[in-house]
């Protein structure tokens, strides 16, 4: 069953395969403190100059999880599914 989920459905039931999940920042929960961007080792988090919202560049993200661990407002979540790059 797990093999089929990986190959046919492109999902990881255990949520451990880095290629099959991504991190997202909820703009409604984000307090725009910038702590996530400061700890990101790959500089994958940027702030939009106009809106002030933080976003994660899926292509640059190494999916280490430091941003989610650091976020004081718990605005960053792990989302199952292939990242749209």
Protein backbone atom coordinates (compact mmCIF):
# COMPACT_ATOMS: atom_id res chain seq x y z
CA UNK A 1 0.00 0.00 0.00
CA UNK A 2 2.77 2.43 0.88
CA UNK A 3 4.63 1.68 -2.36
CA UNK A 4 1.49 2.40 -4.37
CA UNK A 5 0.93 5.66 -2.50
CA UNK A 6 4.43 6.82 -3.40
CA UNK A 7 4.43 5.72 -7.04
CA UNK A 8 0.84 6.10 -8.15
CA UNK A 9 -0.49 8.85 -5.86
CA UNK A 10 2.75 10.82 -5.38
CA UNK A 11 2.26 10.97 -1.60
CA UNK A 12 4.10 9.66 1.43
CA UNK A 13 1.82 8.24 4.13
CA UNK A 14 4.62 8.61 6.71
CA UNK A 15 5.28 12.26 5.74
CA UNK A 16 9.03 11.73 5.60
CA UNK A 17 9.90 11.79 1.91
CA UNK A 18 11.12 15.32 1.28
CA UNK A 19 10.18 15.26 -2.39
CA UNK A 20 6.53 14.68 -1.50
CA UNK A 21 5.83 17.55 0.91
CA UNK A 22 6.45 21.26 1.23
CA UNK A 23 6.16 24.04 3.78
CA UNK A 24 3.65 26.88 3.49
CA UNK A 25 3.26 30.12 5.42
CA UNK A 26 -0.30 31.08 6.33
CA UNK A 27 -0.41 34.87 5.79
CA UNK A 28 -3.35 35.23 8.19
CA UNK A 29 -1.40 33.63 11.06
CA UNK A 30 2.01 35.15 10.26
CA UNK A 31 3.06 37.99 12.57
CA UNK A 32 5.76 39.04 10.07
CA UNK A 33 8.57 38.82 12.62
CA UNK A 34 11.05 37.41 10.08
CA UNK A 35 12.44 34.76 12.43
CA UNK A 36 11.77 32.05 9.84
CA UNK A 37 13.82 33.88 7.21
CA UNK A 38 16.67 34.39 9.68
CA UNK A 39 17.03 30.67 10.43
CA UNK A 40 16.52 29.40 6.88
CA UNK A 41 19.87 27.89 5.79
CA UNK A 42 19.00 28.11 2.08
CA UNK A 43 17.55 31.64 2.01
CA UNK A 44 14.32 30.19 0.66
CA UNK A 45 12.08 32.59 2.59
CA UNK A 46 11.49 36.10 1.31
CA UNK A 47 9.17 38.96 2.12
CA UNK A 48 7.10 40.64 -0.56
CA UNK A 49 7.96 44.34 -0.53
CA UNK A 50 4.42 45.48 -1.29
CA UNK A 51 2.27 43.13 0.79
CA UNK A 52 4.77 42.39 3.55
CA UNK A 53 3.90 38.68 3.33
CA UNK A 54 6.55 36.02 3.75
CA UNK A 55 6.68 33.18 1.21
CA UNK A 56 8.76 30.04 0.78
CA UNK A 57 10.47 29.34 -2.54
CA UNK A 58 9.83 25.61 -3.06
CA UNK A 59 12.77 25.31 -5.44
CA UNK A 60 15.25 26.64 -2.89
CA UNK A 61 13.72 25.04 0.22
CA UNK A 62 15.69 22.08 1.60
CA UNK A 63 12.70 21.09 3.78
CA UNK A 64 14.76 21.02 6.94
CA UNK A 65 11.83 22.29 9.03
CA UNK A 66 13.76 24.97 10.94
CA UNK A 67 11.29 27.63 9.83
CA UNK A 68 8.30 25.75 11.25
CA UNK A 69 10.15 24.98 14.48
CA UNK A 70 11.12 28.64 14.92
CA UNK A 71 7.84 30.35 13.99
CA UNK A 72 6.35 31.87 17.18
CA UNK A 73 2.85 32.07 15.69
CA UNK A 74 2.87 28.54 14.21
CA UNK A 75 2.05 30.03 10.80
CA UNK A 76 4.23 27.55 8.91
CA UNK A 77 2.87 24.11 8.18
CA UNK A 78 4.02 20.98 6.42
CA UNK A 79 1.72 20.23 3.50
CA UNK A 80 1.57 16.84 1.86
CA UNK A 81 1.76 16.75 -1.91
CA UNK A 82 4.32 17.59 -4.51
CA UNK A 83 5.60 21.14 -4.44
CA UNK A 84 4.63 23.26 -7.42
CA UNK A 85 7.88 24.74 -8.65
